[in-house]
C-alpha atoms as a PDB file:
ATOM      1  CA  MET A   1      47.373  91.643 105.921  1.00  0.00           C
ATOM      2  CA  SER A   2      49.205  92.264 109.096  1.00  0.00           C
ATOM      3  CA  ASN A   3      50.081  95.582 110.580  1.00  0.00           C
ATOM      4  CA  GLU A   4      53.664  94.481 111.152  1.00  0.00           C
ATOM      5  CA  GLU A   5      56.217  96.451 109.235  1.00  0.00           C
ATOM      6  CA  THR A   6      58.320  94.346 106.946  1.00  0.00           C
ATOM      7  CA  THR A   7      62.004  95.033 106.666  1.00  0.00           C
ATOM      8  CA  PRO A   8      64.432  93.642 104.176  1.00  0.00           C
ATOM      9  CA  GLU A   9      66.462  90.741 105.450  1.00  0.00           C
ATOM     10  CA  THR A  10      69.661  91.880 107.062  1.00  0.00           C
ATOM     11  CA  THR A  11      72.793  89.884 106.608  1.00  0.00           C
ATOM     12  CA  PRO A  12      75.649  89.915 109.052  1.00  0.00           C
ATOM     13  CA  GLU A  13      78.257  92.420 108.011  1.00  0.00           C
ATOM     14  CA  GLN A  14      81.194  90.802 106.269  1.00  0.00           C
ATOM     15  CA  PRO A  15      84.518  91.615 107.921  1.00  0.00           C
ATOM     16  CA  VAL A  16      86.760  93.795 105.832  1.00  0.00           C
ATOM     17  CA  VAL A  17      89.976  91.979 105.055  1.00  0.00           C
ATOM     18  CA  VAL A  18      93.004  94.245 104.791  1.00  0.00           C
ATOM     19  CA  ALA A  19      96.114  92.917 103.098  1.00  0.00           C
ATOM     20  CA  PRO A  20      99.130  92.926 105.414  1.00  0.00           C
ATOM     21  CA  MET A  21     101.737  95.627 105.047  1.00  0.00           C
ATOM     22  CA  PRO A  22     104.658  94.643 102.821  1.00  0.00           C
ATOM     23  CA  ASP A  23     107.898  93.610 104.488  1.00  0.00           C
ATOM     24  CA  GLY A  24     110.193  96.497 105.270  1.00  0.00           C
ATOM     25  CA  MET A  25     107.424  99.023 106.010  1.00  0.00           C
ATOM     26  CA  ALA A  26     108.563  99.682 109.561  1.00  0.00           C
ATOM     27  CA  VAL A  27     109.190 102.795 111.632  1.00  0.00           C
ATOM     28  CA  LYS A  28     112.630 104.350 110.936  1.00  0.00           C
ATOM     29  CA  SER A  29     113.009 102.496 107.611  1.00  0.00           C
ATOM     30  CA  ARG A  30     114.108 104.512 104.549  1.00  0.00           C
ATOM     31  CA  HIS A  31     112.262 104.262 101.234  1.00  0.00           C
ATOM     32  CA  SER A  32     112.180 105.816  97.811  1.00  0.00           C
ATOM     33  CA  GLY A  33     108.723 106.983  96.760  1.00  0.00           C
ATOM     34  CA  THR A  34     106.933 108.850  94.018  1.00  0.00           C
ATOM     35  CA  VAL A  35     104.987 112.063  94.585  1.00  0.00           C
ATOM     36  CA  THR A  36     101.402 111.474  93.444  1.00  0.00           C
ATOM     37  CA  ARG A  37      99.755 114.690  94.665  1.00  0.00           C
ATOM     38  CA  VAL A  38     100.866 118.030  96.070  1.00  0.00           C
ATOM     39  CA  ASP A  39      98.710 120.304  98.235  1.00  0.00           C
ATOM     40  CA  LEU A  40      99.306 123.314 100.485  1.00  0.00           C
ATOM     41  CA  GLY A  41     100.154 121.215 103.550  1.00  0.00           C
ATOM     42  CA  GLY A  42     102.354 118.538 102.025  1.00  0.00           C
ATOM     43  CA  ALA A  43     102.568 115.769  99.462  1.00  0.00           C
ATOM     44  CA  LEU A  44     101.081 112.302  99.032  1.00  0.00           C
ATOM     45  CA  ILE A  45     103.853 109.786  98.345  1.00  0.00           C
ATOM     46  CA  SER A  46     103.357 106.320  96.828  1.00  0.00           C
ATOM     47  CA  LEU A  47     105.812 103.772  98.210  1.00  0.00           C
ATOM     48  CA  GLY A  48     104.549 101.014  95.922  1.00  0.00           C
ATOM     49  CA  GLU A  49     102.668  97.797  96.715  1.00  0.00           C
ATOM     50  CA  GLY A  50      99.524  99.810  97.502  1.00  0.00           C
ATOM     51  CA  VAL A  51     101.098 101.745 100.374  1.00  0.00           C
ATOM     52  CA  ASP A  52     100.790 105.543 100.450  1.00  0.00           C
ATOM     53  CA  GLY A  53     102.154 108.062 102.895  1.00  0.00           C
ATOM     54  CA  TYR A  54     101.700 111.725 103.621  1.00  0.00           C
ATOM     55  CA  LEU A  55     104.755 113.961 103.871  1.00  0.00           C
ATOM     56  CA  HIS A  56     103.771 117.091 105.818  1.00  0.00           C
ATOM     57  CA  ILE A  57     105.463 120.372 104.858  1.00  0.00           C
ATOM     58  CA  SER A  58     107.092 120.592 108.307  1.00  0.00           C
ATOM     59  CA  LYS A  59     108.811 117.246 107.652  1.00  0.00           C
ATOM     60  CA  MET A  60     110.282 118.332 104.292  1.00  0.00           C
ATOM     61  CA  ILE A  61     113.842 119.462 103.609  1.00  0.00           C
ATOM     62  CA  ALA A  62     114.739 121.698 100.658  1.00  0.00           C
ATOM     63  CA  GLN A  63     117.626 120.762  98.364  1.00  0.00           C
ATOM     64  CA  GLY A  64     119.796 123.366 100.102  1.00  0.00           C
ATOM     65  CA  GLY A  65     118.993 121.824 103.465  1.00  0.00           C
ATOM     66  CA  GLY A  66     116.598 124.465 104.774  1.00  0.00           C
ATOM     67  CA  PRO A  67     112.871 124.431 105.381  1.00  0.00           C
ATOM     68  CA  ILE A  68     110.295 124.511 102.586  1.00  0.00           C
ATOM     69  CA  THR A  69     107.852 127.429 102.533  1.00  0.00           C
ATOM     70  CA  ARG A  70     105.757 126.346  99.523  1.00  0.00           C
ATOM     71  CA  VAL A  71     105.349 122.669  98.653  1.00  0.00           C
ATOM     72  CA  ALA A  72     104.594 123.323  94.972  1.00  0.00           C
ATOM     73  CA  ASP A  73     107.974 125.069  94.591  1.00  0.00           C
ATOM     74  CA  ALA A  74     109.832 121.989  95.821  1.00  0.00           C
ATOM     75  CA  PHE A  75     107.802 119.022  94.517  1.00  0.00           C
ATOM     76  CA  LYS A  76     105.532 118.093  91.647  1.00  0.00           C
ATOM     77  CA  ALA A  77     103.669 114.917  90.758  1.00  0.00           C
ATOM     78  CA  GLY A  78     106.062 112.285  89.438  1.00  0.00           C
ATOM     79  CA  ASP A  79     109.095 113.418  91.470  1.00  0.00           C
ATOM     80  CA  THR A  80     111.080 110.743  93.294  1.00  0.00           C
ATOM     81  CA  VAL A  81     111.803 111.444  96.960  1.00  0.00           C
ATOM     82  CA  GLU A  82     113.721 109.666  99.747  1.00  0.00           C
ATOM     83  CA  VAL A  83     111.670 109.418 102.943  1.00  0.00           C
ATOM     84  CA  ASN A  84     111.729 107.759 106.371  1.00  0.00           C
ATOM     85  CA  ILE A  85     108.672 106.160 107.966  1.00  0.00           C
ATOM     86  CA  THR A  86     107.623 107.661 111.322  1.00  0.00           C
ATOM     87  CA  ALA A  87     104.365 105.737 111.893  1.00  0.00           C
ATOM     88  CA  VAL A  88     102.599 102.767 110.289  1.00  0.00           C
ATOM     89  CA  HIS A  89      98.793 102.413 109.992  1.00  0.00           C
ATOM     90  CA  PRO A  90      98.274  98.874 108.604  1.00  0.00           C
ATOM     91  CA  GLU A  91      94.459  99.071 108.738  1.00  0.00           C
ATOM     92  CA  LYS A  92      94.575 101.929 106.208  1.00  0.00           C
ATOM     93  CA  ARG A  93      97.751 100.780 104.395  1.00  0.00           C
ATOM     94  CA  ARG A  94      99.141 104.240 105.116  1.00  0.00           C
ATOM     95  CA  VAL A  95     102.343 105.517 106.675  1.00  0.00           C
ATOM     96  CA  ASP A  96     103.481 108.865 108.073  1.00  0.00           C
ATOM     97  CA  LEU A  97     106.670 110.158 106.475  1.00  0.00           C
ATOM     98  CA  THR A  98     109.559 112.540 107.063  1.00  0.00           C
ATOM     99  CA  MET A  99     112.641 113.571 105.126  1.00  0.00           C
ATOM    100  CA  HIS A 100     114.574 114.098 108.375  1.00  0.00           C
ATOM    101  CA  LYS A 101     116.935 111.393 109.575  1.00  0.00           C
ATOM    102  CA  PRO A 102     115.224 109.460 112.366  1.00  0.00           C
ATOM    103  CA  PRO A 103     116.911 109.585 115.782  1.00  0.00           C
ATOM    104  CA  ALA A 104     118.993 106.558 116.726  1.00  0.00           C
ATOM    105  CA  MET A 105     116.985 106.246 119.939  1.00  0.00           C
ATOM    106  CA  ASP A 106     113.348 106.953 120.709  1.00  0.00           C
ATOM    107  CA  TRP A 107     111.717 107.629 124.075  1.00  0.00           C
ATOM    108  CA  THR A 108     110.169 104.153 123.933  1.00  0.00           C
ATOM    109  CA  ASP A 109     113.687 102.665 123.755  1.00  0.00           C
ATOM    110  CA  LEU A 110     114.576 104.053 127.196  1.00  0.00           C
ATOM    111  CA  LYS A 111     114.203 101.695 130.152  1.00  0.00           C
ATOM    112  CA  VAL A 112     114.805 102.242 133.863  1.00  0.00           C
ATOM    113  CA  GLY A 113     118.394 101.299 134.691  1.00  0.00           C
ATOM    114  CA  ALA A 114     119.582 101.462 131.075  1.00  0.00           C
ATOM    115  CA  VAL A 115     123.175 102.594 130.540  1.00  0.00           C
ATOM    116  CA  LEU A 116     123.538 104.845 127.505  1.00  0.00           C
ATOM    117  CA  GLU A 117     126.826 105.118 125.645  1.00  0.00           C
ATOM    118  CA  SER A 118     128.076 108.362 124.082  1.00  0.00           C
ATOM    119  CA  VAL A 119     125.839 110.675 126.087  1.00  0.00           C
ATOM    120  CA  LYS A 120     127.058 114.260 125.686  1.00  0.00           C
ATOM    121  CA  VAL A 121     126.338 117.120 128.076  1.00  0.00           C
ATOM    122  CA  VAL A 122     124.958 120.044 126.060  1.00  0.00           C
ATOM    123  CA  ALA A 123     123.996 122.510 128.806  1.00  0.00           C
ATOM    124  CA  VAL A 124     124.612 122.921 132.526  1.00  0.00           C
ATOM    125  CA  GLU A 125     121.953 124.746 134.542  1.00  0.00           C
ATOM    126  CA  LYS A 126     121.548 125.494 138.274  1.00  0.00           C
ATOM    127  CA  PHE A 127     119.215 122.521 138.657  1.00  0.00           C
ATOM    128  CA  GLY A 128     120.923 119.911 136.446  1.00  0.00           C
ATOM    129  CA  VAL A 129     122.355 119.095 133.043  1.00  0.00           C
ATOM    130  CA  PHE A 130     120.777 118.606 129.644  1.00  0.00           C
ATOM    131  CA  VAL A 131     122.218 115.646 127.763  1.00  0.00           C
ATOM    132  CA  ASP A 132     122.116 114.576 124.124  1.00  0.00           C
ATOM    133  CA  PHE A 133     121.721 110.831 123.681  1.00  0.00           C
ATOM    134  CA  ASP A 134     120.858 111.069 119.951  1.00  0.00           C
ATOM    135  CA  GLY A 135     117.181 110.900 120.762  1.00  0.00           C
ATOM    136  CA  PRO A 136     114.302 113.070 119.594  1.00  0.00           C
ATOM    137  CA  LYS A 137     114.990 115.695 122.288  1.00  0.00           C
ATOM    138  CA  HIS A 138     117.614 116.410 124.942  1.00  0.00           C
ATOM    139  CA  GLY A 139     117.154 114.823 128.364  1.00  0.00           C
ATOM    140  CA  LEU A 140     117.478 116.418 131.806  1.00  0.00           C
ATOM    141  CA  VAL A 141     119.481 114.870 134.637  1.00  0.00           C
ATOM    142  CA  PRO A 142     118.834 116.769 137.899  1.00  0.00           C
ATOM    143  CA  PHE A 143     121.841 117.461 140.156  1.00  0.00           C
ATOM    144  CA  ASN A 144     120.139 115.866 143.169  1.00  0.00           C
ATOM    145  CA  LEU A 145     120.533 112.512 141.385  1.00  0.00           C
ATOM    146  CA  MET A 146     124.325 112.969 140.992  1.00  0.00           C
ATOM    147  CA  THR A 147     127.173 112.957 143.456  1.00  0.00           C
ATOM    148  CA  LEU A 148     129.293 116.110 143.587  1.00  0.00           C
ATOM    149  CA  SER A 149     132.220 114.316 141.941  1.00  0.00           C
ATOM    150  CA  ASN A 150     130.007 113.171 139.024  1.00  0.00           C
ATOM    151  CA  ARG A 151     128.571 116.565 138.105  1.00  0.00           C
ATOM    152  CA  PRO A 152     129.755 117.253 134.547  1.00  0.00           C
ATOM    153  CA  ARG A 153     130.633 120.522 132.844  1.00  0.00           C
ATOM    154  CA  SER A 154     129.300 121.661 129.482  1.00  0.00           C
ATOM    155  CA  GLY A 155     130.868 119.789 126.534  1.00  0.00           C
ATOM    156  CA  MET A 156     131.909 116.767 128.603  1.00  0.00           C
ATOM    157  CA  CYS A 157     130.877 113.256 127.629  1.00  0.00           C
ATOM    158  CA  SER A 158     129.404 110.797 130.061  1.00  0.00           C
ATOM    159  CA  ARG A 159     131.165 107.431 129.861  1.00  0.00           C
ATOM    160  CA  SER A 160     132.781 107.107 126.405  1.00  0.00           C
ATOM    161  CA  CYS A 161     132.159 109.347 123.411  1.00  0.00           C
ATOM    162  CA  GLY A 162     133.494 106.802 120.914  1.00  0.00           C
END
């Protein structure tokens, strides 16, 4: 007998194969899903084809349009809900969801030199203007980047507001 310790044969780990996400499961896409579970912080929504998503309470809208203070008062298992995808995690076959309408433009859509149509001035401050470009937040344009003749007043539209 040898003093060497014997170990069971180890086999190389088999790679886990994850099925691809179904077509149409993209950020900003709208889907109808079924509530499968409700907890204090939100609801688990099944979108079908093995894809689930979590709808956090802060991303929910009550029937009257206001915020939801208690998930169990608004949803129960089996309810159908319309949701928008905010993030996709294909390795887990999971998505992040919201009931809010996604913005037409995201920060990642902005490029240096881009010309934005229908940009509306929402506030004028001493240092610049805040503009709404239908993105997730308002943007700031400092006055030192504008000529005196191009400095807008509150409520004005930059370019066309069509």
